PDB file of N, CA and C in Angstrom:
ATOM      1  N   MET A   1     -28.882  -2.121 -11.528  1.00  0.00           N
ATOM      2  CA  MET A   1     -28.273  -3.438 -11.499  1.00  0.00           C
ATOM      3  C   MET A   1     -28.038  -3.825 -10.041  1.00  0.00           C
ATOM      4  N   LEU A   2     -28.404  -5.026  -9.699  1.00  0.00           N
ATOM      5  CA  LEU A   2     -28.194  -5.529  -8.346  1.00  0.00           C
ATOM      6  C   LEU A   2     -26.721  -5.818  -8.096  1.00  0.00           C
ATOM      7  N   ALA A   3     -26.326  -5.747  -6.830  1.00  0.00           N
ATOM      8  CA  ALA A   3     -24.929  -5.973  -6.458  1.00  0.00           C
ATOM      9  C   ALA A   3     -24.455  -7.356  -6.905  1.00  0.00           C
ATOM     10  N   ALA A   4     -25.273  -8.371  -6.725  1.00  0.00           N
ATOM     11  CA  ALA A   4     -24.879  -9.735  -7.105  1.00  0.00           C
ATOM     12  C   ALA A   4     -24.644  -9.833  -8.615  1.00  0.00           C
ATOM     13  N   GLU A   5     -25.503  -9.198  -9.392  1.00  0.00           N
ATOM     14  CA  GLU A   5     -25.352  -9.207 -10.848  1.00  0.00           C
ATOM     15  C   GLU A   5     -24.083  -8.451 -11.256  1.00  0.00           C
ATOM     16  N   ARG A   6     -23.833  -7.315 -10.610  1.00  0.00           N
ATOM     17  CA  ARG A   6     -22.643  -6.524 -10.898  1.00  0.00           C
ATOM     18  C   ARG A   6     -21.381  -7.315 -10.556  1.00  0.00           C
ATOM     19  N   ARG A   7     -21.377  -7.982  -9.414  1.00  0.00           N
ATOM     20  CA  ARG A   7     -20.215  -8.782  -9.017  1.00  0.00           C
ATOM     21  C   ARG A   7     -19.979  -9.930  -9.987  1.00  0.00           C
ATOM     22  N   PHE A   8     -21.050 -10.540 -10.456  1.00  0.00           N
ATOM     23  CA  PHE A   8     -20.929 -11.609 -11.448  1.00  0.00           C
ATOM     24  C   PHE A   8     -20.277 -11.062 -12.715  1.00  0.00           C
ATOM     25  N   ASN A   9     -20.703  -9.884 -13.147  1.00  0.00           N
ATOM     26  CA  ASN A   9     -20.133  -9.270 -14.343  1.00  0.00           C
ATOM     27  C   ASN A   9     -18.684  -8.847 -14.121  1.00  0.00           C
ATOM     28  N   ILE A  10     -18.356  -8.421 -12.923  1.00  0.00           N
ATOM     29  CA  ILE A  10     -16.960  -8.100 -12.595  1.00  0.00           C
ATOM     30  C   ILE A  10     -16.113  -9.360 -12.720  1.00  0.00           C
ATOM     31  N   MET A  11     -16.607 -10.465 -12.194  1.00  0.00           N
ATOM     32  CA  MET A  11     -15.866 -11.724 -12.274  1.00  0.00           C
ATOM     33  C   MET A  11     -15.649 -12.148 -13.726  1.00  0.00           C
ATOM     34  N   LYS A  12     -16.678 -12.034 -14.558  1.00  0.00           N
ATOM     35  CA  LYS A  12     -16.537 -12.397 -15.969  1.00  0.00           C
ATOM     36  C   LYS A  12     -15.462 -11.541 -16.636  1.00  0.00           C
ATOM     37  N   LEU A  13     -15.450 -10.256 -16.326  1.00  0.00           N
ATOM     38  CA  LEU A  13     -14.475  -9.356 -16.922  1.00  0.00           C
ATOM     39  C   LEU A  13     -13.058  -9.664 -16.438  1.00  0.00           C
ATOM     40  N   VAL A  14     -12.912  -9.949 -15.164  1.00  0.00           N
ATOM     41  CA  VAL A  14     -11.592 -10.279 -14.609  1.00  0.00           C
ATOM     42  C   VAL A  14     -11.081 -11.583 -15.224  1.00  0.00           C
ATOM     43  N   GLN A  15     -11.941 -12.558 -15.377  1.00  0.00           N
ATOM     44  CA  GLN A  15     -11.527 -13.818 -15.987  1.00  0.00           C
ATOM     45  C   GLN A  15     -11.101 -13.616 -17.436  1.00  0.00           C
ATOM     46  N   LYS A  16     -11.754 -12.704 -18.123  1.00  0.00           N
ATOM     47  CA  LYS A  16     -11.441 -12.449 -19.533  1.00  0.00           C
ATOM     48  C   LYS A  16     -10.151 -11.648 -19.681  1.00  0.00           C
ATOM     49  N   GLN A  17     -10.016 -10.557 -18.897  1.00  0.00           N
ATOM     50  CA  GLN A  17      -8.885  -9.649 -19.071  1.00  0.00           C
ATOM     51  C   GLN A  17      -7.709  -9.952 -18.140  1.00  0.00           C
ATOM     52  N   LYS A  18      -7.931 -10.754 -17.122  1.00  0.00           N
ATOM     53  CA  LYS A  18      -6.928 -11.119 -16.111  1.00  0.00           C
ATOM     54  C   LYS A  18      -6.661  -9.998 -15.105  1.00  0.00           C
ATOM     55  N   VAL A  19      -6.657  -8.731 -15.536  1.00  0.00           N
ATOM     56  CA  VAL A  19      -6.435  -7.592 -14.646  1.00  0.00           C
ATOM     57  C   VAL A  19      -7.372  -6.457 -15.062  1.00  0.00           C
ATOM     58  N   VAL A  20      -8.036  -5.843 -14.080  1.00  0.00           N
ATOM     59  CA  VAL A  20      -8.889  -4.683 -14.337  1.00  0.00           C
ATOM     60  C   VAL A  20      -8.629  -3.627 -13.264  1.00  0.00           C
ATOM     61  N   THR A  21      -8.872  -2.376 -13.614  1.00  0.00           N
ATOM     62  CA  THR A  21      -8.690  -1.307 -12.648  1.00  0.00           C
ATOM     63  C   THR A  21     -10.032  -0.879 -12.079  1.00  0.00           C
ATOM     64  N   THR A  22      -9.963  -0.278 -10.905  1.00  0.00           N
ATOM     65  CA  THR A  22     -11.167   0.219 -10.244  1.00  0.00           C
ATOM     66  C   THR A  22     -11.839   1.279 -11.103  1.00  0.00           C
ATOM     67  N   SER A  23     -11.052   2.186 -11.651  1.00  0.00           N
ATOM     68  CA  SER A  23     -11.629   3.261 -12.468  1.00  0.00           C
ATOM     69  C   SER A  23     -12.272   2.713 -13.744  1.00  0.00           C
ATOM     70  N   GLU A  24     -11.669   1.693 -14.325  1.00  0.00           N
ATOM     71  CA  GLU A  24     -12.234   1.057 -15.519  1.00  0.00           C
ATOM     72  C   GLU A  24     -13.594   0.436 -15.195  1.00  0.00           C
ATOM     73  N   LEU A  25     -13.667  -0.262 -14.069  1.00  0.00           N
ATOM     74  CA  LEU A  25     -14.932  -0.890 -13.665  1.00  0.00           C
ATOM     75  C   LEU A  25     -15.992   0.145 -13.320  1.00  0.00           C
ATOM     76  N   ALA A  26     -15.597   1.213 -12.627  1.00  0.00           N
ATOM     77  CA  ALA A  26     -16.544   2.265 -12.248  1.00  0.00           C
ATOM     78  C   ALA A  26     -17.152   2.910 -13.496  1.00  0.00           C
ATOM     79  N   ALA A  27     -16.322   3.169 -14.487  1.00  0.00           N
ATOM     80  CA  ALA A  27     -16.819   3.771 -15.729  1.00  0.00           C
ATOM     81  C   ALA A  27     -17.729   2.800 -16.487  1.00  0.00           C
ATOM     82  N   LEU A  28     -17.350   1.551 -16.518  1.00  0.00           N
ATOM     83  CA  LEU A  28     -18.121   0.539 -17.235  1.00  0.00           C
ATOM     84  C   LEU A  28     -19.525   0.370 -16.641  1.00  0.00           C
ATOM     85  N   PHE A  29     -19.605   0.329 -15.315  1.00  0.00           N
ATOM     86  CA  PHE A  29     -20.888   0.112 -14.646  1.00  0.00           C
ATOM     87  C   PHE A  29     -21.575   1.415 -14.243  1.00  0.00           C
ATOM     88  N   ASP A  30     -20.927   2.535 -14.513  1.00  0.00           N
ATOM     89  CA  ASP A  30     -21.465   3.857 -14.204  1.00  0.00           C
ATOM     90  C   ASP A  30     -21.844   3.986 -12.722  1.00  0.00           C
ATOM     91  N   ILE A  31     -20.889   3.586 -11.866  1.00  0.00           N
ATOM     92  CA  ILE A  31     -21.067   3.706 -10.420  1.00  0.00           C
ATOM     93  C   ILE A  31     -19.771   4.244  -9.819  1.00  0.00           C
ATOM     94  N   SER A  32     -19.806   4.559  -8.541  1.00  0.00           N
ATOM     95  CA  SER A  32     -18.629   5.151  -7.905  1.00  0.00           C
ATOM     96  C   SER A  32     -17.520   4.119  -7.715  1.00  0.00           C
ATOM     97  N   GLU A  33     -16.291   4.622  -7.630  1.00  0.00           N
ATOM     98  CA  GLU A  33     -15.152   3.741  -7.388  1.00  0.00           C
ATOM     99  C   GLU A  33     -15.251   3.095  -6.010  1.00  0.00           C
ATOM    100  N   MET A  34     -15.860   3.793  -5.047  1.00  0.00           N
ATOM    101  CA  MET A  34     -16.032   3.226  -3.705  1.00  0.00           C
ATOM    102  C   MET A  34     -16.922   1.982  -3.755  1.00  0.00           C
ATOM    103  N   THR A  35     -17.960   2.028  -4.557  1.00  0.00           N
ATOM    104  CA  THR A  35     -18.846   0.861  -4.708  1.00  0.00           C
ATOM    105  C   THR A  35     -18.075  -0.303  -5.326  1.00  0.00           C
ATOM    106  N   ILE A  36     -17.265   0.002  -6.335  1.00  0.00           N
ATOM    107  CA  ILE A  36     -16.446  -1.037  -6.967  1.00  0.00           C
ATOM    108  C   ILE A  36     -15.463  -1.613  -5.956  1.00  0.00           C
ATOM    109  N   ARG A  37     -14.847  -0.758  -5.135  1.00  0.00           N
ATOM    110  CA  ARG A  37     -13.907  -1.250  -4.118  1.00  0.00           C
ATOM    111  C   ARG A  37     -14.593  -2.210  -3.158  1.00  0.00           C
ATOM    112  N   ARG A  38     -15.819  -1.883  -2.763  1.00  0.00           N
ATOM    113  CA  ARG A  38     -16.568  -2.785  -1.866  1.00  0.00           C
ATOM    114  C   ARG A  38     -16.858  -4.113  -2.563  1.00  0.00           C
ATOM    115  N   ASP A  39     -17.234  -4.051  -3.835  1.00  0.00           N
ATOM    116  CA  ASP A  39     -17.495  -5.284  -4.595  1.00  0.00           C
ATOM    117  C   ASP A  39     -16.230  -6.129  -4.708  1.00  0.00           C
ATOM    118  N   VAL A  40     -15.112  -5.488  -5.037  1.00  0.00           N
ATOM    119  CA  VAL A  40     -13.847  -6.203  -5.184  1.00  0.00           C
ATOM    120  C   VAL A  40     -13.415  -6.800  -3.846  1.00  0.00           C
ATOM    121  N   THR A  41     -13.605  -6.057  -2.763  1.00  0.00           N
ATOM    122  CA  THR A  41     -13.274  -6.573  -1.430  1.00  0.00           C
ATOM    123  C   THR A  41     -14.101  -7.808  -1.116  1.00  0.00           C
ATOM    124  N   LYS A  42     -15.385  -7.760  -1.405  1.00  0.00           N
ATOM    125  CA  LYS A  42     -16.269  -8.910  -1.153  1.00  0.00           C
ATOM    126  C   LYS A  42     -15.849 -10.115  -1.987  1.00  0.00           C
ATOM    127  N   LEU A  43     -15.572  -9.902  -3.259  1.00  0.00           N
ATOM    128  CA  LEU A  43     -15.151 -10.998  -4.131  1.00  0.00           C
ATOM    129  C   LEU A  43     -13.813 -11.577  -3.691  1.00  0.00           C
ATOM    130  N   SER A  44     -12.933 -10.705  -3.208  1.00  0.00           N
ATOM    131  CA  SER A  44     -11.640 -11.155  -2.704  1.00  0.00           C
ATOM    132  C   SER A  44     -11.807 -11.982  -1.427  1.00  0.00           C
ATOM    133  N   GLN A  45     -12.657 -11.523  -0.529  1.00  0.00           N
ATOM    134  CA  GLN A  45     -12.915 -12.260   0.708  1.00  0.00           C
ATOM    135  C   GLN A  45     -13.525 -13.622   0.424  1.00  0.00           C
ATOM    136  N   ASP A  46     -14.302 -13.709  -0.642  1.00  0.00           N
ATOM    137  CA  ASP A  46     -14.905 -14.982  -1.044  1.00  0.00           C
ATOM    138  C   ASP A  46     -13.926 -15.877  -1.803  1.00  0.00           C
ATOM    139  N   GLY A  47     -12.718 -15.359  -2.050  1.00  0.00           N
ATOM    140  CA  GLY A  47     -11.691 -16.144  -2.729  1.00  0.00           C
ATOM    141  C   GLY A  47     -11.862 -16.243  -4.230  1.00  0.00           C
ATOM    142  N   LEU A  48     -12.640 -15.337  -4.815  1.00  0.00           N
ATOM    143  CA  LEU A  48     -12.931 -15.418  -6.243  1.00  0.00           C
ATOM    144  C   LEU A  48     -11.967 -14.627  -7.112  1.00  0.00           C
ATOM    145  N   LEU A  49     -11.285 -13.653  -6.516  1.00  0.00           N
ATOM    146  CA  LEU A  49     -10.293 -12.878  -7.243  1.00  0.00           C
ATOM    147  C   LEU A  49      -9.277 -12.326  -6.258  1.00  0.00           C
ATOM    148  N   GLU A  50      -8.245 -11.723  -6.777  1.00  0.00           N
ATOM    149  CA  GLU A  50      -7.183 -11.136  -5.959  1.00  0.00           C
ATOM    150  C   GLU A  50      -7.320  -9.626  -6.023  1.00  0.00           C
ATOM    151  N   LYS A  51      -7.463  -9.004  -4.865  1.00  0.00           N
ATOM    152  CA  LYS A  51      -7.569  -7.552  -4.799  1.00  0.00           C
ATOM    153  C   LYS A  51      -6.167  -6.963  -4.917  1.00  0.00           C
ATOM    154  N   THR A  52      -6.017  -5.952  -5.774  1.00  0.00           N
ATOM    155  CA  THR A  52      -4.731  -5.294  -5.955  1.00  0.00           C
ATOM    156  C   THR A  52      -4.887  -3.809  -5.678  1.00  0.00           C
ATOM    157  N   HIS A  53      -3.771  -3.116  -5.588  1.00  0.00           N
ATOM    158  CA  HIS A  53      -3.814  -1.669  -5.422  1.00  0.00           C
ATOM    159  C   HIS A  53      -4.378  -1.059  -6.703  1.00  0.00           C
ATOM    160  N   GLY A  54      -5.587  -0.516  -6.615  1.00  0.00           N
ATOM    161  CA  GLY A  54      -6.198   0.118  -7.775  1.00  0.00           C
ATOM    162  C   GLY A  54      -6.998  -0.791  -8.673  1.00  0.00           C
ATOM    163  N   GLY A  55      -7.261  -2.019  -8.240  1.00  0.00           N
ATOM    164  CA  GLY A  55      -8.040  -2.893  -9.095  1.00  0.00           C
ATOM    165  C   GLY A  55      -8.135  -4.315  -8.596  1.00  0.00           C
ATOM    166  N   ALA A  56      -8.194  -5.244  -9.542  1.00  0.00           N
ATOM    167  CA  ALA A  56      -8.343  -6.660  -9.216  1.00  0.00           C
ATOM    168  C   ALA A  56      -7.714  -7.494 -10.319  1.00  0.00           C
ATOM    169  N   MET A  57      -7.365  -8.719  -9.956  1.00  0.00           N
ATOM    170  CA  MET A  57      -6.811  -9.651 -10.935  1.00  0.00           C
ATOM    171  C   MET A  57      -7.284 -11.061 -10.602  1.00  0.00           C
ATOM    172  N   THR A  58      -7.098 -11.962 -11.538  1.00  0.00           N
ATOM    173  CA  THR A  58      -7.493 -13.340 -11.286  1.00  0.00           C
ATOM    174  C   THR A  58      -6.643 -13.901 -10.159  1.00  0.00           C
ATOM    175  N   ASN A  59      -7.162 -14.885  -9.476  1.00  0.00           N
ATOM    176  CA  ASN A  59      -6.388 -15.509  -8.405  1.00  0.00           C
ATOM    177  C   ASN A  59      -5.746 -16.814  -8.881  1.00  0.00           C
ATOM    178  N   GLU A  60      -5.653 -16.961 -10.200  1.00  0.00           N
ATOM    179  CA  GLU A  60      -4.973 -18.117 -10.769  1.00  0.00           C
ATOM    180  C   GLU A  60      -3.485 -17.987 -10.508  1.00  0.00           C
ATOM    181  N   ILE A  61      -2.851 -19.089 -10.230  1.00  0.00           N
ATOM    182  CA  ILE A  61      -1.412 -19.077 -10.005  1.00  0.00           C
ATOM    183  C   ILE A  61      -0.717 -18.981 -11.360  1.00  0.00           C
ATOM    184  N   VAL A  62       0.091 -17.960 -11.508  1.00  0.00           N
ATOM    185  CA  VAL A  62       0.808 -17.733 -12.762  1.00  0.00           C
ATOM    186  C   VAL A  62       2.262 -18.130 -12.552  1.00  0.00           C
ATOM    187  N   THR A  63       2.748 -19.012 -13.387  1.00  0.00           N
ATOM    188  CA  THR A  63       4.155 -19.395 -13.290  1.00  0.00           C
ATOM    189  C   THR A  63       4.905 -18.748 -14.434  1.00  0.00           C
ATOM    190  N   LEU A  64       6.011 -18.154 -14.116  1.00  0.00           N
ATOM    191  CA  LEU A  64       6.805 -17.460 -15.110  1.00  0.00           C
ATOM    192  C   LEU A  64       8.041 -18.254 -15.500  1.00  0.00           C
ATOM    193  N   GLY A  65       8.090 -19.492 -15.128  1.00  0.00           N
ATOM    194  CA  GLY A  65       9.234 -20.332 -15.428  1.00  0.00           C
ATOM    195  C   GLY A  65       9.578 -21.157 -14.205  1.00  0.00           C
ATOM    196  N   PRO A  66      10.668 -21.889 -14.283  1.00  0.00           N
ATOM    197  CA  PRO A  66      11.049 -22.735 -13.153  1.00  0.00           C
ATOM    198  C   PRO A  66      11.425 -21.899 -11.927  1.00  0.00           C
ATOM    199  N   SER A  67      11.162 -22.444 -10.755  1.00  0.00           N
ATOM    200  CA  SER A  67      11.530 -21.773  -9.515  1.00  0.00           C
ATOM    201  C   SER A  67      13.040 -21.813  -9.329  1.00  0.00           C
ATOM    202  N   PHE A  68      13.541 -21.083  -8.340  1.00  0.00           N
ATOM    203  CA  PHE A  68      14.977 -21.050  -8.071  1.00  0.00           C
ATOM    204  C   PHE A  68      15.518 -22.447  -7.779  1.00  0.00           C
ATOM    205  N   SER A  69      14.800 -23.212  -6.941  1.00  0.00           N
ATOM    206  CA  SER A  69      15.277 -24.555  -6.602  1.00  0.00           C
ATOM    207  C   SER A  69      15.267 -25.479  -7.822  1.00  0.00           C
ATOM    208  N   GLU A  70      14.291 -25.304  -8.714  1.00  0.00           N
ATOM    209  CA  GLU A  70      14.271 -26.098  -9.945  1.00  0.00           C
ATOM    210  C   GLU A  70      15.441 -25.721 -10.851  1.00  0.00           C
ATOM    211  N   LYS A  71      15.767 -24.438 -10.908  1.00  0.00           N
ATOM    212  CA  LYS A  71      16.906 -23.994 -11.712  1.00  0.00           C
ATOM    213  C   LYS A  71      18.214 -24.539 -11.160  1.00  0.00           C
ATOM    214  N   GLU A  72      18.316 -24.644  -9.833  1.00  0.00           N
ATOM    215  CA  GLU A  72      19.526 -25.204  -9.218  1.00  0.00           C
ATOM    216  C   GLU A  72      19.766 -26.630  -9.692  1.00  0.00           C
ATOM    217  N   ILE A  73      18.700 -27.412  -9.749  1.00  0.00           N
ATOM    218  CA  ILE A  73      18.804 -28.809 -10.179  1.00  0.00           C
ATOM    219  C   ILE A  73      19.137 -28.891 -11.665  1.00  0.00           C
ATOM    220  N   ILE A  74      18.506 -28.033 -12.461  1.00  0.00           N
ATOM    221  CA  ILE A  74      18.728 -28.044 -13.907  1.00  0.00           C
ATOM    222  C   ILE A  74      20.170 -27.680 -14.255  1.00  0.00           C
ATOM    223  N   HIS A  75      20.723 -26.714 -13.519  1.00  0.00           N
ATOM    224  CA  HIS A  75      22.044 -26.174 -13.861  1.00  0.00           C
ATOM    225  C   HIS A  75      23.148 -26.640 -12.910  1.00  0.00           C
ATOM    226  N   LEU A  76      23.098 -27.868 -12.499  1.00  0.00           N
ATOM    227  CA  LEU A  76      24.148 -28.400 -11.624  1.00  0.00           C
ATOM    228  C   LEU A  76      25.489 -28.459 -12.287  1.00  0.00           C
TER     229      LEU A  76
END
């Protein structure tokens, strides 16, 4: 499998699962974790995903509720 094809498949998996680990990707593609780390680094540098310790996640902004300043206004 070519690197570009593998990276495309990594992106599809990250978009589907939101978070993936390096070891999970290495096992799935039957390649070394170092190769996966290089792929994740490249995708992160391109702004396509967020590199995390031990894996990758989507770079979508996740909101868990109102911010502190919004809560201040709500609870005056």
